[in-house]
Amino acid sequence: MEERFKNIIQMIKESDADFVCLQEVIAPFFEKLVQNEYIRDHYYFSGNTITDYGLLILTKWPWYFYDYQYKNTWMDRGFLAAETVLNGKPFVVGTTHLESLDNKKKRKEQMEFVQSKLLKDRDAVFMGDLNFDLNWKDEGENLDSKNFMDLWTELKDKTEEGFTMNGTTRSKPCLLYTS
């Protein structure tokens, strides 16, 4: 974990990101973040309780944070959002970790909840471990492509497959934007 932690801190420093969304945060990793002087000096923590494989948002400014647990989860999954007002309109940064394994129906229900209840009528940046590739038959249709675009696909190196785990059965990272 030590090498991974150092790499993540270095990426955060180099990117000078206004917000950082993390999934699969475990308590020892969270404790290291809290103890890290750079993170403490530059970011606000979302303030939600970290359990096994939790969600965390770091922001440079104080925002309102909302922590939602999915009702249909077997894996204690949820959606974490940071909300503020920009140019007189609500703006949300959200992250999720959707159900994994052979739980296509649950992922669909979770995506519908996020899109219809949490991000509706707001400008938003939404990212997370979706546990599906937008190009997968059936699962890619879970995302309202009229309102969202996959920025990972748009911005990544076109020669890179971009799987989060080696192999063709694992999902790609996904960063979505709506306006």
Foldseek 3Di string as FASTA:
>chain_A
DVVVLVVVVVVCVVVVDQKDKDWQDDPVSVVVLCVDPVQVVQWDWLPDDDHGGHMIMTGRDDFHKDWAFDPPDPPRWTKIWTWDADPNFIEIEMETAFDEDPPLVRLLVRLCCCDPPPCPRGWYKYWYNSFAELPDPPNVVSDDVVFKDWVCCVPPDVVDPQFPDPDDNTYHTTIITGD
